[in-house]
Amino acid sequence: MTVRLGLLGLAAIGIVGAGLELAFERHWQTATQLIPWAALVLLGLAVALLALRDSPRTVTVVRALALVVLVASAYGVFMHVSVNHGAGASDPSWDSLSALTQWWYALTKSVGNAPPLAPGMLAQSALLLLLTTLTSISRRTVPPR
């Protein structure tokens, strides 16, 4: 039970942290920038569901929500790297670099301003929720003593 509460707490802290980071960056200028906000709502709903009810159905719903957020997180990483790659074109020496070097620069934010790993905060909270479902009371096969 302590591990479960700890995992839920870490997921909640990650959600709040990601929300603050998005707010500080004013990450709401386009429809695409609203995707992480929707992911945070889904994560918040999942935390609330697990905190309030522990049933096989709840676990299934939470796992589905976490998987949706993992996909959104991967999309966010891809978009950030792509935006950075596009920003590299403004550098006169960009075309002289190999494709691998260009993508490496985009991934490491050597070009562009989009932080490629920031969407990973969503994935971290989603993975914590998935781990929480493994500690779920309703999923234990050993009867309590």
C-alpha atoms as a PDB file:
ATOM      1  CA  MET A   1       0.000   0.000   0.000  1.00  0.00           C
ATOM      2  CA  THR A   2       2.880   2.392   0.788  1.00  0.00           C
ATOM      3  CA  VAL A   3       4.517   1.758  -2.592  1.00  0.00           C
ATOM      4  CA  ARG A   4       1.177   2.350  -4.326  1.00  0.00           C
ATOM      5  CA  LEU A   5       0.672   5.677  -2.550  1.00  0.00           C
ATOM      6  CA  GLY A   6       4.255   6.668  -3.281  1.00  0.00           C
ATOM      7  CA  LEU A   7       3.843   5.927  -6.985  1.00  0.00           C
ATOM      8  CA  LEU A   8       0.560   7.849  -7.076  1.00  0.00           C
ATOM      9  CA  GLY A   9       2.237  10.763  -5.300  1.00  0.00           C
ATOM     10  CA  LEU A  10       5.147  10.798  -7.738  1.00  0.00           C
ATOM     11  CA  ALA A  11       2.735  10.713 -10.674  1.00  0.00           C
ATOM     12  CA  ALA A  12       0.788  13.633  -9.187  1.00  0.00           C
ATOM     13  CA  ILE A  13       3.989  15.640  -8.619  1.00  0.00           C
ATOM     14  CA  GLY A  14       4.971  14.978 -12.244  1.00  0.00           C
ATOM     15  CA  ILE A  15       1.581  16.167 -13.457  1.00  0.00           C
ATOM     16  CA  VAL A  16       1.796  19.395 -11.469  1.00  0.00           C
ATOM     17  CA  GLY A  17       5.386  19.963 -12.595  1.00  0.00           C
ATOM     18  CA  ALA A  18       4.527  19.416 -16.249  1.00  0.00           C
ATOM     19  CA  GLY A  19       1.533  21.734 -15.939  1.00  0.00           C
ATOM     20  CA  LEU A  20       3.669  24.467 -14.420  1.00  0.00           C
ATOM     21  CA  GLU A  21       6.318  24.067 -17.110  1.00  0.00           C
ATOM     22  CA  LEU A  22       3.667  24.309 -19.840  1.00  0.00           C
ATOM     23  CA  ALA A  23       2.199  27.403 -18.200  1.00  0.00           C
ATOM     24  CA  PHE A  24       5.617  29.064 -17.797  1.00  0.00           C
ATOM     25  CA  GLU A  25       6.295  28.426 -21.505  1.00  0.00           C
ATOM     26  CA  ARG A  26       2.809  29.683 -22.475  1.00  0.00           C
ATOM     27  CA  HIS A  27       2.302  26.426 -24.305  1.00  0.00           C
ATOM     28  CA  TRP A  28      -1.180  27.151 -25.684  1.00  0.00           C
ATOM     29  CA  GLN A  29      -0.585  29.164 -28.855  1.00  0.00           C
ATOM     30  CA  THR A  30      -1.719  26.485 -31.340  1.00  0.00           C
ATOM     31  CA  ALA A  31      -4.017  23.477 -31.343  1.00  0.00           C
ATOM     32  CA  THR A  32      -0.989  21.161 -31.319  1.00  0.00           C
ATOM     33  CA  GLN A  33       0.286  22.879 -28.181  1.00  0.00           C
ATOM     34  CA  LEU A  34      -2.957  21.942 -26.419  1.00  0.00           C
ATOM     35  CA  ILE A  35      -2.211  18.210 -26.740  1.00  0.00           C
ATOM     36  CA  PRO A  36      -0.059  18.053 -23.588  1.00  0.00           C
ATOM     37  CA  TRP A  37      -2.762  19.905 -21.658  1.00  0.00           C
ATOM     38  CA  ALA A  38      -5.262  17.223 -22.683  1.00  0.00           C
ATOM     39  CA  ALA A  39      -2.716  14.578 -21.676  1.00  0.00           C
ATOM     40  CA  LEU A  40      -2.404  16.202 -18.247  1.00  0.00           C
ATOM     41  CA  VAL A  41      -6.181  16.108 -17.841  1.00  0.00           C
ATOM     42  CA  LEU A  42      -6.148  12.394 -18.691  1.00  0.00           C
ATOM     43  CA  LEU A  43      -3.307  11.771 -16.227  1.00  0.00           C
ATOM     44  CA  GLY A  44      -5.132  13.710 -13.512  1.00  0.00           C
ATOM     45  CA  LEU A  45      -8.279  11.702 -14.155  1.00  0.00           C
ATOM     46  CA  ALA A  46      -6.285   8.476 -13.953  1.00  0.00           C
ATOM     47  CA  VAL A  47      -4.707   9.478 -10.629  1.00  0.00           C
ATOM     48  CA  ALA A  48      -8.109  10.395  -9.227  1.00  0.00           C
ATOM     49  CA  LEU A  49      -9.620   7.101 -10.391  1.00  0.00           C
ATOM     50  CA  LEU A  50      -6.870   5.050  -8.768  1.00  0.00           C
ATOM     51  CA  ALA A  51      -6.993   7.093  -5.586  1.00  0.00           C
ATOM     52  CA  LEU A  52     -10.757   6.749  -5.230  1.00  0.00           C
ATOM     53  CA  ARG A  53     -11.456   3.264  -6.482  1.00  0.00           C
ATOM     54  CA  ASP A  54      -9.470   0.097  -6.908  1.00  0.00           C
ATOM     55  CA  SER A  55     -11.294  -2.320  -9.161  1.00  0.00           C
ATOM     56  CA  PRO A  56     -10.306  -4.357 -12.213  1.00  0.00           C
ATOM     57  CA  ARG A  57     -12.332  -2.010 -14.407  1.00  0.00           C
ATOM     58  CA  THR A  58     -10.580   1.061 -12.968  1.00  0.00           C
ATOM     59  CA  VAL A  59      -7.191  -0.543 -13.534  1.00  0.00           C
ATOM     60  CA  THR A  60      -8.103  -1.228 -17.164  1.00  0.00           C
ATOM     61  CA  VAL A  61      -9.273   2.365 -17.717  1.00  0.00           C
ATOM     62  CA  VAL A  62      -6.160   3.795 -16.061  1.00  0.00           C
ATOM     63  CA  ARG A  63      -3.906   1.618 -18.199  1.00  0.00           C
ATOM     64  CA  ALA A  64      -5.711   2.750 -21.358  1.00  0.00           C
ATOM     65  CA  LEU A  65      -5.392   6.412 -20.340  1.00  0.00           C
ATOM     66  CA  ALA A  66      -1.698   5.936 -19.568  1.00  0.00           C
ATOM     67  CA  LEU A  67      -1.116   4.348 -22.979  1.00  0.00           C
ATOM     68  CA  VAL A  68      -2.845   7.278 -24.710  1.00  0.00           C
ATOM     69  CA  VAL A  69      -0.561   9.665 -22.812  1.00  0.00           C
ATOM     70  CA  LEU A  70       2.515   7.619 -23.757  1.00  0.00           C
ATOM     71  CA  VAL A  71       1.559   8.005 -27.422  1.00  0.00           C
ATOM     72  CA  ALA A  72       0.992  11.750 -26.937  1.00  0.00           C
ATOM     73  CA  SER A  73       4.368  12.017 -25.219  1.00  0.00           C
ATOM     74  CA  ALA A  74       6.148  10.236 -28.073  1.00  0.00           C
ATOM     75  CA  TYR A  75       4.383  12.551 -30.522  1.00  0.00           C
ATOM     76  CA  GLY A  76       5.571  15.547 -28.466  1.00  0.00           C
ATOM     77  CA  VAL A  77       9.177  14.400 -28.568  1.00  0.00           C
ATOM     78  CA  PHE A  78       8.895  13.865 -32.318  1.00  0.00           C
ATOM     79  CA  MET A  79       7.340  17.307 -32.847  1.00  0.00           C
ATOM     80  CA  HIS A  80       9.957  19.080 -30.735  1.00  0.00           C
ATOM     81  CA  VAL A  81      12.813  17.393 -32.573  1.00  0.00           C
ATOM     82  CA  SER A  82      11.166  18.142 -35.930  1.00  0.00           C
ATOM     83  CA  VAL A  83      10.701  21.825 -35.053  1.00  0.00           C
ATOM     84  CA  ASN A  84      14.336  22.049 -34.000  1.00  0.00           C
ATOM     85  CA  HIS A  85      15.417  20.326 -37.212  1.00  0.00           C
ATOM     86  CA  GLY A  86      13.440  22.849 -39.220  1.00  0.00           C
ATOM     87  CA  ALA A  87      15.081  25.699 -37.315  1.00  0.00           C
ATOM     88  CA  GLY A  88      18.482  24.381 -38.362  1.00  0.00           C
ATOM     89  CA  ALA A  89      17.749  25.318 -41.965  1.00  0.00           C
ATOM     90  CA  SER A  90      18.352  28.961 -41.050  1.00  0.00           C
ATOM     91  CA  ASP A  91      22.013  28.127 -40.388  1.00  0.00           C
ATOM     92  CA  PRO A  92      24.080  28.594 -43.588  1.00  0.00           C
ATOM     93  CA  SER A  93      26.216  25.543 -42.799  1.00  0.00           C
ATOM     94  CA  TRP A  94      23.178  23.294 -42.187  1.00  0.00           C
ATOM     95  CA  ASP A  95      23.192  21.695 -45.638  1.00  0.00           C
ATOM     96  CA  SER A  96      26.848  20.750 -45.290  1.00  0.00           C
ATOM     97  CA  LEU A  97      26.062  18.567 -42.253  1.00  0.00           C
ATOM     98  CA  SER A  98      25.146  14.909 -42.601  1.00  0.00           C
ATOM     99  CA  ALA A  99      21.519  13.990 -41.964  1.00  0.00           C
ATOM    100  CA  LEU A 100      22.537  12.101 -38.830  1.00  0.00           C
ATOM    101  CA  THR A 101      24.360  15.151 -37.476  1.00  0.00           C
ATOM    102  CA  GLN A 102      21.383  17.390 -38.279  1.00  0.00           C
ATOM    103  CA  TRP A 103      18.984  15.125 -36.388  1.00  0.00           C
ATOM    104  CA  TRP A 104      21.446  14.808 -33.510  1.00  0.00           C
ATOM    105  CA  TYR A 105      21.637  18.594 -33.251  1.00  0.00           C
ATOM    106  CA  ALA A 106      17.838  18.767 -33.319  1.00  0.00           C
ATOM    107  CA  LEU A 107      17.544  16.098 -30.602  1.00  0.00           C
ATOM    108  CA  THR A 108      20.135  17.741 -28.360  1.00  0.00           C
ATOM    109  CA  LYS A 109      18.637  21.220 -28.924  1.00  0.00           C
ATOM    110  CA  SER A 110      21.860  22.452 -30.474  1.00  0.00           C
ATOM    111  CA  VAL A 111      19.507  24.076 -32.973  1.00  0.00           C
ATOM    112  CA  GLY A 112      16.004  25.332 -32.261  1.00  0.00           C
ATOM    113  CA  ASN A 113      14.299  26.238 -29.007  1.00  0.00           C
ATOM    114  CA  ALA A 114      11.945  23.302 -28.445  1.00  0.00           C
ATOM    115  CA  PRO A 115      13.081  21.128 -25.516  1.00  0.00           C
ATOM    116  CA  PRO A 116      12.885  17.581 -26.931  1.00  0.00           C
ATOM    117  CA  LEU A 117      12.781  15.824 -23.584  1.00  0.00           C
ATOM    118  CA  ALA A 118      10.096  18.013 -21.985  1.00  0.00           C
ATOM    119  CA  PRO A 119       7.279  15.805 -23.316  1.00  0.00           C
ATOM    120  CA  GLY A 120       9.014  12.958 -21.525  1.00  0.00           C
ATOM    121  CA  MET A 121       7.592  14.318 -18.269  1.00  0.00           C
ATOM    122  CA  LEU A 122       4.207  13.115 -19.491  1.00  0.00           C
ATOM    123  CA  ALA A 123       5.615   9.675 -20.250  1.00  0.00           C
ATOM    124  CA  GLN A 124       7.193   9.484 -16.813  1.00  0.00           C
ATOM    125  CA  SER A 125       3.884  10.148 -15.070  1.00  0.00           C
ATOM    126  CA  ALA A 126       2.097   7.687 -17.357  1.00  0.00           C
ATOM    127  CA  LEU A 127       4.671   4.988 -16.593  1.00  0.00           C
ATOM    128  CA  LEU A 128       4.338   5.660 -12.880  1.00  0.00           C
ATOM    129  CA  LEU A 129       0.596   5.133 -13.209  1.00  0.00           C
ATOM    130  CA  LEU A 130       1.166   1.879 -15.060  1.00  0.00           C
ATOM    131  CA  LEU A 131       3.456   0.751 -12.233  1.00  0.00           C
ATOM    132  CA  THR A 132       0.793   1.775  -9.738  1.00  0.00           C
ATOM    133  CA  THR A 133      -1.708  -0.531 -11.434  1.00  0.00           C
ATOM    134  CA  LEU A 134       0.708  -3.414 -10.879  1.00  0.00           C
ATOM    135  CA  THR A 135       0.497  -2.772  -7.136  1.00  0.00           C
ATOM    136  CA  SER A 136      -3.271  -2.513  -7.293  1.00  0.00           C
ATOM    137  CA  ILE A 137      -5.149  -4.337  -4.544  1.00  0.00           C
ATOM    138  CA  SER A 138      -7.691  -5.745  -6.991  1.00  0.00           C
ATOM    139  CA  ARG A 139      -4.966  -7.345  -9.124  1.00  0.00           C
ATOM    140  CA  ARG A 140      -3.304  -9.293  -6.333  1.00  0.00           C
ATOM    141  CA  THR A 141      -3.682 -13.018  -6.736  1.00  0.00           C
ATOM    142  CA  VAL A 142      -2.532 -13.907  -3.239  1.00  0.00           C
ATOM    143  CA  PRO A 143      -5.392 -13.602  -0.748  1.00  0.00           C
ATOM    144  CA  PRO A 144      -4.725 -11.329   2.249  1.00  0.00           C
ATOM    145  CA  ARG A 145      -3.847 -13.048   5.547  1.00  0.00           C
END
